[in-house]
Amino acid sequence: MVEKKKLLFVTQELDPYTAITEVSEVVKKLPEYAQSNGMEIRVLMPRYGVINERRHRLHEVVRLSGMNIIVDDDDYPLIIKVASLPGARLQVYFLDNDDFFKRKSGFADEQGNPYEDNPDRMIFFCKGVIETVRKFGWPPDIIHCHGWMTSLIPMYIREAYKTEPLFQNSKIIYSAYDTMMDSYFSDAFIEKASINNLGRANLDAYLNGNDVFLHKGAITYADAIIRGSEQLPEAVEQLIIESGKPSLAFHSEEEMLPAYMEFYNSMLVEEEAI
C-alpha cells in the first residue's frame, strides 16, 4: 500500500470559524479537496475569541497542550484545541492563548485600528505551529502557509529548526495575499522574531530598507509561491518573478482546486527526484 503524502495547512483564517479576508474562503475548500485526492491532511490556525467553542465543538487536546512559547523574553502558555470541520471528515487544530487571541476580533479593533501586539501574536503563532507539529511527530511532505500571519514559518523551519528531522524533506509553499499588516510593524519586530539564537542576517529578508516586508521574507525562504489574490502589489509580483522559484498564478474559484492539486503534485515529484 502506497503511503499517503502528508499536507499541512497553516492559515490565519478559515471559514466557517472566521471570515476576515479571502484567505478564509480559499482554505475552506482546499483541505477537503486534497484529502479526496489521497493526501493526509492537518490544519492549524489561531483560536480567535470570535470562535464560539460550544457552537463549533472545540475541545482541548491535553496531550498537545502545556507548552510555553517565548516571545520577547516572556513565556506564554500554548493551548491546543481541536474541532471537526463541518461537512468534512477533517480535524482543525486551534492554537490558543488568552493574551493574544481572547479578543473578539482578528487583527484590528472595532475602529479598524490594527492591534499593537500583532507582531507578537504572529511570532507566537508561527513558533507554536512548529512546536505543535513536533509534538504530532508527523513529518509533512508539504507545508502550505496562507496569509501574512504565517510568513515567518518558512524562515523558522529553514533556519531555527534546520536540524529538526521532521522537516528535512518538507516543501514549503507560501500563498501571498494582498492583505497585509506589516506597514504597522516597527523595527522592534526583527529583534522579537529572532528566536533560537537566530542572527540579524536571518531576519534581513523581512526588511525592505528600514521597513518590515513580510512577503519578501516568506518568498525568500519558501520553496514555492502561490498568488492567492488576483491582484498583488507590484513589488510582491516582482519578488516572485525574481526569486526564480516555482510559482502558481491566481486562479478563479472554478479552476483553483485542480490547479492547486497539480501544483502540489509537481512539488512532490520534484522531491522524489532529488
C-alpha atoms as a PDB file:
ATOM      1  CA  MET A   1       0.000   0.000   0.000  1.00  0.00           C
ATOM      2  CA  VAL A   2       1.379   3.400  -1.014  1.00  0.00           C
ATOM      3  CA  GLU A   3       1.810   5.732   1.951  1.00  0.00           C
ATOM      4  CA  LYS A   4      -0.271   8.868   1.705  1.00  0.00           C
ATOM      5  CA  LYS A   5       1.561  12.154   1.264  1.00  0.00           C
ATOM      6  CA  LYS A   6       1.176  14.478   4.241  1.00  0.00           C
ATOM      7  CA  LEU A   7      -0.023  18.033   3.638  1.00  0.00           C
ATOM      8  CA  LEU A   8      -0.010  20.595   6.449  1.00  0.00           C
ATOM      9  CA  PHE A   9      -2.168  23.698   6.040  1.00  0.00           C
ATOM     10  CA  VAL A  10      -1.196  26.637   8.240  1.00  0.00           C
ATOM     11  CA  THR A  11      -3.633  29.502   7.965  1.00  0.00           C
ATOM     12  CA  GLN A  12      -4.504  32.721   9.716  1.00  0.00           C
ATOM     13  CA  GLU A  13      -8.196  32.177   8.867  1.00  0.00           C
ATOM     14  CA  LEU A  14     -10.686  29.508   7.897  1.00  0.00           C
ATOM     15  CA  ASP A  15     -14.392  29.640   7.130  1.00  0.00           C
ATOM     16  CA  PRO A  16     -16.718  28.802   8.970  1.00  0.00           C
ATOM     17  CA  TYR A  17     -14.667  29.780  12.019  1.00  0.00           C
ATOM     18  CA  THR A  18     -13.610  33.177  10.687  1.00  0.00           C
ATOM     19  CA  ALA A  19     -14.416  35.277   7.643  1.00  0.00           C
ATOM     20  CA  ILE A  20     -11.905  38.131   7.872  1.00  0.00           C
ATOM     21  CA  THR A  21     -10.451  38.120   4.343  1.00  0.00           C
ATOM     22  CA  GLU A  22     -10.444  35.967   1.211  1.00  0.00           C
ATOM     23  CA  VAL A  23      -7.999  33.595   2.931  1.00  0.00           C
ATOM     24  CA  SER A  24     -10.939  32.116   4.855  1.00  0.00           C
ATOM     25  CA  GLU A  25     -12.748  31.070   1.683  1.00  0.00           C
ATOM     26  CA  VAL A  26      -9.691  29.691  -0.114  1.00  0.00           C
ATOM     27  CA  VAL A  27      -8.630  27.479   2.782  1.00  0.00           C
ATOM     28  CA  LYS A  28     -12.186  26.290   3.373  1.00  0.00           C
ATOM     29  CA  LYS A  29     -12.114  24.298   0.131  1.00  0.00           C
ATOM     30  CA  LEU A  30      -8.514  23.115  -0.191  1.00  0.00           C
ATOM     31  CA  PRO A  31      -8.072  20.614   2.670  1.00  0.00           C
ATOM     32  CA  GLU A  32     -11.140  18.546   1.819  1.00  0.00           C
ATOM     33  CA  TYR A  33     -10.242  18.515  -1.878  1.00  0.00           C
ATOM     34  CA  ALA A  34      -6.656  17.427  -1.166  1.00  0.00           C
ATOM     35  CA  GLN A  35      -7.919  14.727   1.161  1.00  0.00           C
ATOM     36  CA  SER A  36     -10.312  13.433  -1.508  1.00  0.00           C
ATOM     37  CA  ASN A  37      -7.275  13.204  -3.791  1.00  0.00           C
ATOM     38  CA  GLY A  38      -5.469  10.823  -1.468  1.00  0.00           C
ATOM     39  CA  MET A  39      -3.494  13.118   0.819  1.00  0.00           C
ATOM     40  CA  GLU A  40      -3.303  13.032   4.608  1.00  0.00           C
ATOM     41  CA  ILE A  41      -4.237  16.456   5.989  1.00  0.00           C
ATOM     42  CA  ARG A  42      -3.652  18.521   9.125  1.00  0.00           C
ATOM     43  CA  VAL A  43      -4.913  22.100   9.518  1.00  0.00           C
ATOM     44  CA  LEU A  44      -3.636  24.618  12.104  1.00  0.00           C
ATOM     45  CA  MET A  45      -4.976  28.113  12.805  1.00  0.00           C
ATOM     46  CA  PRO A  46      -5.289  30.615  15.691  1.00  0.00           C
ATOM     47  CA  ARG A  47      -8.254  30.294  18.020  1.00  0.00           C
ATOM     48  CA  TYR A  48      -9.603  33.853  17.992  1.00  0.00           C
ATOM     49  CA  GLY A  49     -12.116  34.885  20.648  1.00  0.00           C
ATOM     50  CA  VAL A  50     -14.763  35.291  17.960  1.00  0.00           C
ATOM     51  CA  ILE A  51     -14.771  31.499  17.516  1.00  0.00           C
ATOM     52  CA  ASN A  52     -17.551  30.072  19.639  1.00  0.00           C
ATOM     53  CA  GLU A  53     -16.208  26.930  21.303  1.00  0.00           C
ATOM     54  CA  ARG A  54     -19.621  25.478  22.094  1.00  0.00           C
ATOM     55  CA  ARG A  55     -21.140  26.066  18.663  1.00  0.00           C
ATOM     56  CA  HIS A  56     -18.095  24.734  16.828  1.00  0.00           C
ATOM     57  CA  ARG A  57     -17.487  21.948  19.380  1.00  0.00           C
ATOM     58  CA  LEU A  58     -13.897  22.741  20.206  1.00  0.00           C
ATOM     59  CA  HIS A  59     -12.212  20.750  22.931  1.00  0.00           C
ATOM     60  CA  GLU A  60      -8.711  20.821  24.353  1.00  0.00           C
ATOM     61  CA  VAL A  61      -6.119  18.265  23.265  1.00  0.00           C
ATOM     62  CA  VAL A  62      -4.389  17.739  26.582  1.00  0.00           C
ATOM     63  CA  ARG A  63      -1.512  15.683  25.172  1.00  0.00           C
ATOM     64  CA  LEU A  64      -0.552  18.589  22.864  1.00  0.00           C
ATOM     65  CA  SER A  65      -1.138  21.437  25.323  1.00  0.00           C
ATOM     66  CA  GLY A  66       1.134  22.527  28.142  1.00  0.00           C
ATOM     67  CA  MET A  67       3.986  24.042  26.148  1.00  0.00           C
ATOM     68  CA  ASN A  68       5.236  27.571  26.739  1.00  0.00           C
ATOM     69  CA  ILE A  69       6.213  29.786  23.819  1.00  0.00           C
ATOM     70  CA  ILE A  70       8.718  32.586  24.422  1.00  0.00           C
ATOM     71  CA  VAL A  71       8.014  35.941  22.788  1.00  0.00           C
ATOM     72  CA  ASP A  72      10.246  38.909  23.619  1.00  0.00           C
ATOM     73  CA  ASP A  73      11.646  37.075  26.683  1.00  0.00           C
ATOM     74  CA  ASP A  74       8.188  36.367  28.136  1.00  0.00           C
ATOM     75  CA  ASP A  75       6.623  32.908  28.430  1.00  0.00           C
ATOM     76  CA  TYR A  76       3.113  32.345  27.120  1.00  0.00           C
ATOM     77  CA  PRO A  77       1.208  29.070  27.562  1.00  0.00           C
ATOM     78  CA  LEU A  78       0.093  27.344  24.368  1.00  0.00           C
ATOM     79  CA  ILE A  79      -3.234  25.531  24.491  1.00  0.00           C
ATOM     80  CA  ILE A  80      -4.227  23.281  21.590  1.00  0.00           C
ATOM     81  CA  LYS A  81      -7.889  22.697  20.783  1.00  0.00           C
ATOM     82  CA  VAL A  82      -9.486  20.664  18.031  1.00  0.00           C
ATOM     83  CA  ALA A  83     -12.766  20.510  16.135  1.00  0.00           C
ATOM     84  CA  SER A  84     -14.141  18.667  13.129  1.00  0.00           C
ATOM     85  CA  LEU A  85     -14.572  20.820  10.052  1.00  0.00           C
ATOM     86  CA  PRO A  86     -18.329  20.914   9.346  1.00  0.00           C
ATOM     87  CA  GLY A  87     -19.317  18.787   6.386  1.00  0.00           C
ATOM     88  CA  ALA A  88     -15.892  17.156   6.101  1.00  0.00           C
ATOM     89  CA  ARG A  89     -14.020  14.340   7.786  1.00  0.00           C
ATOM     90  CA  LEU A  90     -11.221  16.682   8.772  1.00  0.00           C
ATOM     91  CA  GLN A  91      -9.915  17.980  12.069  1.00  0.00           C
ATOM     92  CA  VAL A  92      -8.783  21.553  12.595  1.00  0.00           C
ATOM     93  CA  TYR A  93      -6.296  22.314  15.367  1.00  0.00           C
ATOM     94  CA  PHE A  94      -6.549  25.703  17.060  1.00  0.00           C
ATOM     95  CA  LEU A  95      -3.630  27.424  18.803  1.00  0.00           C
ATOM     96  CA  ASP A  96      -4.957  29.321  21.790  1.00  0.00           C
ATOM     97  CA  ASN A  97      -3.621  31.800  24.325  1.00  0.00           C
ATOM     98  CA  ASP A  98      -5.652  34.326  26.304  1.00  0.00           C
ATOM     99  CA  ASP A  99      -3.064  37.102  25.997  1.00  0.00           C
ATOM    100  CA  PHE A 100      -3.073  37.002  22.206  1.00  0.00           C
ATOM    101  CA  PHE A 101      -6.330  35.515  20.955  1.00  0.00           C
ATOM    102  CA  LYS A 102      -9.092  36.032  23.510  1.00  0.00           C
ATOM    103  CA  ARG A 103     -10.246  39.355  21.982  1.00  0.00           C
ATOM    104  CA  LYS A 104     -13.340  39.190  19.810  1.00  0.00           C
ATOM    105  CA  SER A 105     -11.795  40.175  16.500  1.00  0.00           C
ATOM    106  CA  GLY A 106      -8.944  39.081  14.294  1.00  0.00           C
ATOM    107  CA  PHE A 107      -6.301  41.719  13.621  1.00  0.00           C
ATOM    108  CA  ALA A 108      -7.900  45.088  14.418  1.00  0.00           C
ATOM    109  CA  ASP A 109     -10.212  46.687  16.975  1.00  0.00           C
ATOM    110  CA  GLU A 110     -13.767  47.893  16.343  1.00  0.00           C
ATOM    111  CA  GLN A 111     -12.445  51.173  14.900  1.00  0.00           C
ATOM    112  CA  GLY A 112     -10.273  49.293  12.422  1.00  0.00           C
ATOM    113  CA  ASN A 113      -7.003  50.073  14.202  1.00  0.00           C
ATOM    114  CA  PRO A 114      -4.547  47.155  13.991  1.00  0.00           C
ATOM    115  CA  TYR A 115      -3.575  45.684  17.341  1.00  0.00           C
ATOM    116  CA  GLU A 116      -0.186  46.876  18.522  1.00  0.00           C
ATOM    117  CA  ASP A 117       0.778  43.357  19.508  1.00  0.00           C
ATOM    118  CA  ASN A 118       0.081  41.811  16.081  1.00  0.00           C
ATOM    119  CA  PRO A 119       3.828  41.131  15.647  1.00  0.00           C
ATOM    120  CA  ASP A 120       3.922  39.282  18.986  1.00  0.00           C
ATOM    121  CA  ARG A 121       0.782  37.324  18.104  1.00  0.00           C
ATOM    122  CA  MET A 122       2.325  36.345  14.794  1.00  0.00           C
ATOM    123  CA  ILE A 123       5.586  35.178  16.375  1.00  0.00           C
ATOM    124  CA  PHE A 124       3.678  33.181  18.997  1.00  0.00           C
ATOM    125  CA  PHE A 125       1.535  31.536  16.327  1.00  0.00           C
ATOM    126  CA  CYS A 126       4.378  30.668  13.933  1.00  0.00           C
ATOM    127  CA  LYS A 127       6.592  29.185  16.608  1.00  0.00           C
ATOM    128  CA  GLY A 128       3.601  27.458  18.189  1.00  0.00           C
ATOM    129  CA  VAL A 129       2.727  25.807  14.870  1.00  0.00           C
ATOM    130  CA  ILE A 130       6.187  24.296  14.542  1.00  0.00           C
ATOM    131  CA  GLU A 131       6.264  23.067  18.136  1.00  0.00           C
ATOM    132  CA  THR A 132       2.801  21.544  17.717  1.00  0.00           C
ATOM    133  CA  VAL A 133       3.845  19.634  14.598  1.00  0.00           C
ATOM    134  CA  ARG A 134       6.873  18.360  16.517  1.00  0.00           C
ATOM    135  CA  LYS A 135       4.509  17.088  19.193  1.00  0.00           C
ATOM    136  CA  PHE A 136       2.445  15.386  16.490  1.00  0.00           C
ATOM    137  CA  GLY A 137       5.583  13.578  15.396  1.00  0.00           C
ATOM    138  CA  TRP A 138       4.129  13.965  11.902  1.00  0.00           C
ATOM    139  CA  PRO A 139       6.585  14.810   9.068  1.00  0.00           C
ATOM    140  CA  PRO A 140       4.744  16.879   6.420  1.00  0.00           C
ATOM    141  CA  ASP A 141       5.701  16.432   2.794  1.00  0.00           C
ATOM    142  CA  ILE A 142       4.219  19.848   2.028  1.00  0.00           C
ATOM    143  CA  ILE A 143       3.631  22.802   4.341  1.00  0.00           C
ATOM    144  CA  HIS A 144       1.252  25.311   2.773  1.00  0.00           C
ATOM    145  CA  CYS A 145       1.226  28.682   4.557  1.00  0.00           C
ATOM    146  CA  HIS A 146      -1.686  31.065   3.981  1.00  0.00           C
ATOM    147  CA  GLY A 147      -1.526  34.749   4.839  1.00  0.00           C
ATOM    148  CA  TRP A 148       0.877  37.257   6.372  1.00  0.00           C
ATOM    149  CA  MET A 149       0.482  35.782   9.858  1.00  0.00           C
ATOM    150  CA  THR A 150       2.223  32.608   8.652  1.00  0.00           C
ATOM    151  CA  SER A 151       5.092  34.350   6.865  1.00  0.00           C
ATOM    152  CA  LEU A 152       7.744  33.582   9.497  1.00  0.00           C
ATOM    153  CA  ILE A 153       7.244  29.831   9.226  1.00  0.00           C
ATOM    154  CA  PRO A 154       9.422  29.315   6.103  1.00  0.00           C
ATOM    155  CA  MET A 155      12.347  31.074   7.771  1.00  0.00           C
ATOM    156  CA  TYR A 156      11.882  29.381  11.139  1.00  0.00           C
ATOM    157  CA  ILE A 157      11.859  25.929   9.543  1.00  0.00           C
ATOM    158  CA  ARG A 158      14.829  26.619   7.278  1.00  0.00           C
ATOM    159  CA  GLU A 159      16.949  28.362   9.922  1.00  0.00           C
ATOM    160  CA  ALA A 160      15.809  27.968  13.550  1.00  0.00           C
ATOM    161  CA  TYR A 161      14.688  24.334  13.054  1.00  0.00           C
ATOM    162  CA  LYS A 162      17.026  23.309  10.244  1.00  0.00           C
ATOM    163  CA  THR A 163      18.285  20.266  12.170  1.00  0.00           C
ATOM    164  CA  GLU A 164      14.774  19.027  13.013  1.00  0.00           C
ATOM    165  CA  PRO A 165      14.348  15.637  11.252  1.00  0.00           C
ATOM    166  CA  LEU A 166      10.580  16.094  10.792  1.00  0.00           C
ATOM    167  CA  PHE A 167      11.118  18.930   8.307  1.00  0.00           C
ATOM    168  CA  GLN A 168      14.135  17.647   6.399  1.00  0.00           C
ATOM    169  CA  ASN A 169      12.080  16.633   3.356  1.00  0.00           C
ATOM    170  CA  SER A 170       9.284  19.202   3.653  1.00  0.00           C
ATOM    171  CA  LYS A 171       8.480  21.515   0.765  1.00  0.00           C
ATOM    172  CA  ILE A 172       7.182  24.901   1.914  1.00  0.00           C
ATOM    173  CA  ILE A 173       4.609  26.751  -0.201  1.00  0.00           C
ATOM    174  CA  TYR A 174       3.660  30.316   0.676  1.00  0.00           C
ATOM    175  CA  SER A 175       0.422  31.842  -0.591  1.00  0.00           C
ATOM    176  CA  ALA A 176       0.730  35.613  -0.897  1.00  0.00           C
ATOM    177  CA  TYR A 177      -2.457  37.641  -0.488  1.00  0.00           C
ATOM    178  CA  ASP A 178      -2.938  41.377  -0.884  1.00  0.00           C
ATOM    179  CA  THR A 179      -3.987  41.915   2.742  1.00  0.00           C
ATOM    180  CA  MET A 180      -1.054  42.864   4.955  1.00  0.00           C
ATOM    181  CA  MET A 181      -0.328  44.348   8.373  1.00  0.00           C
ATOM    182  CA  ASP A 182       3.415  44.893   8.160  1.00  0.00           C
ATOM    183  CA  SER A 183       3.118  48.619   7.460  1.00  0.00           C
ATOM    184  CA  TYR A 184       2.150  48.889  11.137  1.00  0.00           C
ATOM    185  CA  PHE A 185       5.156  46.857  12.357  1.00  0.00           C
ATOM    186  CA  SER A 186       8.071  48.679  13.980  1.00  0.00           C
ATOM    187  CA  ASP A 187      11.674  47.573  13.623  1.00  0.00           C
ATOM    188  CA  ALA A 188      11.363  46.026  17.108  1.00  0.00           C
ATOM    189  CA  PHE A 189       9.696  43.134  15.282  1.00  0.00           C
ATOM    190  CA  ILE A 190      13.069  41.954  13.965  1.00  0.00           C
ATOM    191  CA  GLU A 191      14.557  41.526  17.446  1.00  0.00           C
ATOM    192  CA  LYS A 192      11.434  39.814  18.765  1.00  0.00           C
ATOM    193  CA  ALA A 193      11.367  37.366  15.855  1.00  0.00           C
ATOM    194  CA  SER A 194      14.970  36.287  16.454  1.00  0.00           C
ATOM    195  CA  ILE A 195      14.161  33.007  18.208  1.00  0.00           C
ATOM    196  CA  ASN A 196      16.531  30.117  18.904  1.00  0.00           C
ATOM    197  CA  ASN A 197      19.631  32.319  18.624  1.00  0.00           C
ATOM    198  CA  LEU A 198      18.910  33.441  15.089  1.00  0.00           C
ATOM    199  CA  GLY A 199      21.135  36.262  13.943  1.00  0.00           C
ATOM    200  CA  ARG A 200      20.124  39.563  12.388  1.00  0.00           C
ATOM    201  CA  ALA A 201      21.146  38.207   8.974  1.00  0.00           C
ATOM    202  CA  ASN A 202      18.379  35.596   9.154  1.00  0.00           C
ATOM    203  CA  LEU A 203      15.768  38.342   9.521  1.00  0.00           C
ATOM    204  CA  ASP A 204      17.167  40.768   6.939  1.00  0.00           C
ATOM    205  CA  ALA A 205      14.989  39.142   4.295  1.00  0.00           C
ATOM    206  CA  TYR A 206      11.960  40.553   6.129  1.00  0.00           C
ATOM    207  CA  LEU A 207      13.134  44.129   5.652  1.00  0.00           C
ATOM    208  CA  ASN A 208      12.903  46.496   2.705  1.00  0.00           C
ATOM    209  CA  GLY A 209      15.314  49.184   3.778  1.00  0.00           C
ATOM    210  CA  ASN A 210      14.129  50.044   7.276  1.00  0.00           C
ATOM    211  CA  ASP A 211      10.568  48.854   6.675  1.00  0.00           C
ATOM    212  CA  VAL A 212       9.191  45.427   7.552  1.00  0.00           C
ATOM    213  CA  PHE A 213       8.186  43.493   4.406  1.00  0.00           C
ATOM    214  CA  LEU A 214       6.751  40.116   5.408  1.00  0.00           C
ATOM    215  CA  HIS A 215       6.075  38.832   1.890  1.00  0.00           C
ATOM    216  CA  LYS A 216       9.722  39.397   1.000  1.00  0.00           C
ATOM    217  CA  GLY A 217      10.963  37.194   3.832  1.00  0.00           C
ATOM    218  CA  ALA A 218       8.449  34.437   3.177  1.00  0.00           C
ATOM    219  CA  ILE A 219       9.251  34.364  -0.548  1.00  0.00           C
ATOM    220  CA  THR A 220      12.975  34.242   0.237  1.00  0.00           C
ATOM    221  CA  TYR A 221      12.681  31.149   2.417  1.00  0.00           C
ATOM    222  CA  ALA A 222       9.762  29.280   0.805  1.00  0.00           C
ATOM    223  CA  ASP A 223      10.297  26.660  -1.896  1.00  0.00           C
ATOM    224  CA  ALA A 224       7.357  27.814  -3.994  1.00  0.00           C
ATOM    225  CA  ILE A 225       4.838  30.654  -4.104  1.00  0.00           C
ATOM    226  CA  ILE A 226       1.143  30.848  -4.958  1.00  0.00           C
ATOM    227  CA  ARG A 227      -0.614  34.079  -5.871  1.00  0.00           C
ATOM    228  CA  GLY A 228      -3.587  33.895  -3.543  1.00  0.00           C
ATOM    229  CA  SER A 229      -5.111  37.206  -4.649  1.00  0.00           C
ATOM    230  CA  GLU A 230      -5.995  38.248  -8.172  1.00  0.00           C
ATOM    231  CA  GLN A 231      -4.023  41.468  -7.732  1.00  0.00           C
ATOM    232  CA  LEU A 232      -0.809  41.682  -5.721  1.00  0.00           C
ATOM    233  CA  PRO A 233       1.310  44.790  -5.146  1.00  0.00           C
ATOM    234  CA  GLU A 234       3.821  45.281  -7.945  1.00  0.00           C
ATOM    235  CA  ALA A 235       6.723  44.883  -5.518  1.00  0.00           C
ATOM    236  CA  VAL A 236       5.431  41.464  -4.432  1.00  0.00           C
ATOM    237  CA  GLU A 237       4.902  40.320  -8.010  1.00  0.00           C
ATOM    238  CA  GLN A 238       8.440  41.392  -8.835  1.00  0.00           C
ATOM    239  CA  LEU A 239       9.809  39.425  -5.884  1.00  0.00           C
ATOM    240  CA  ILE A 240       8.028  36.285  -7.039  1.00  0.00           C
ATOM    241  CA  ILE A 241       9.446  36.624 -10.539  1.00  0.00           C
ATOM    242  CA  GLU A 242      12.968  37.439  -9.372  1.00  0.00           C
ATOM    243  CA  SER A 243      13.006  34.515  -6.947  1.00  0.00           C
ATOM    244  CA  GLY A 244      13.024  32.064  -9.865  1.00  0.00           C
ATOM    245  CA  LYS A 245      11.083  29.617  -7.706  1.00  0.00           C
ATOM    246  CA  PRO A 246       8.111  27.540  -8.845  1.00  0.00           C
ATOM    247  CA  SER A 247       5.012  29.708  -8.691  1.00  0.00           C
ATOM    248  CA  LEU A 248       1.337  29.437  -9.464  1.00  0.00           C
ATOM    249  CA  ALA A 249      -0.798  32.185 -10.950  1.00  0.00           C
ATOM    250  CA  PHE A 250      -4.066  33.261  -9.378  1.00  0.00           C
ATOM    251  CA  HIS A 251      -6.956  31.002 -10.346  1.00  0.00           C
ATOM    252  CA  SER A 252     -10.666  31.614 -10.226  1.00  0.00           C
ATOM    253  CA  GLU A 253     -12.833  29.633  -7.840  1.00  0.00           C
ATOM    254  CA  GLU A 254     -13.792  27.175 -10.602  1.00  0.00           C
ATOM    255  CA  GLU A 255     -10.173  26.475 -11.565  1.00  0.00           C
ATOM    256  CA  MET A 256      -8.462  26.775  -8.191  1.00  0.00           C
ATOM    257  CA  LEU A 257      -8.766  23.298  -6.702  1.00  0.00           C
ATOM    258  CA  PRO A 258      -7.395  21.212  -9.606  1.00  0.00           C
ATOM    259  CA  ALA A 259      -4.699  23.835 -10.249  1.00  0.00           C
ATOM    260  CA  TYR A 260      -3.527  23.703  -6.637  1.00  0.00           C
ATOM    261  CA  MET A 261      -3.561  19.907  -6.629  1.00  0.00           C
ATOM    262  CA  GLU A 262      -1.463  19.809  -9.789  1.00  0.00           C
ATOM    263  CA  PHE A 263       0.965  22.254  -8.157  1.00  0.00           C
ATOM    264  CA  TYR A 264       1.230  20.087  -5.030  1.00  0.00           C
ATOM    265  CA  ASN A 265       1.942  17.029  -7.145  1.00  0.00           C
ATOM    266  CA  SER A 266       4.635  18.872  -9.095  1.00  0.00           C
ATOM    267  CA  MET A 267       6.375  19.699  -5.803  1.00  0.00           C
ATOM    268  CA  LEU A 268       6.172  16.072  -4.704  1.00  0.00           C
ATOM    269  CA  VAL A 269       7.611  14.837  -7.995  1.00  0.00           C
ATOM    270  CA  GLU A 270      10.463  17.297  -7.552  1.00  0.00           C
ATOM    271  CA  GLU A 271      11.063  15.975  -4.033  1.00  0.00           C
ATOM    272  CA  GLU A 272      11.175  12.351  -5.199  1.00  0.00           C
ATOM    273  CA  ALA A 273      13.617  13.247  -7.978  1.00  0.00           C
ATOM    274  CA  ILE A 274      16.174  14.624  -5.512  1.00  0.00           C
END
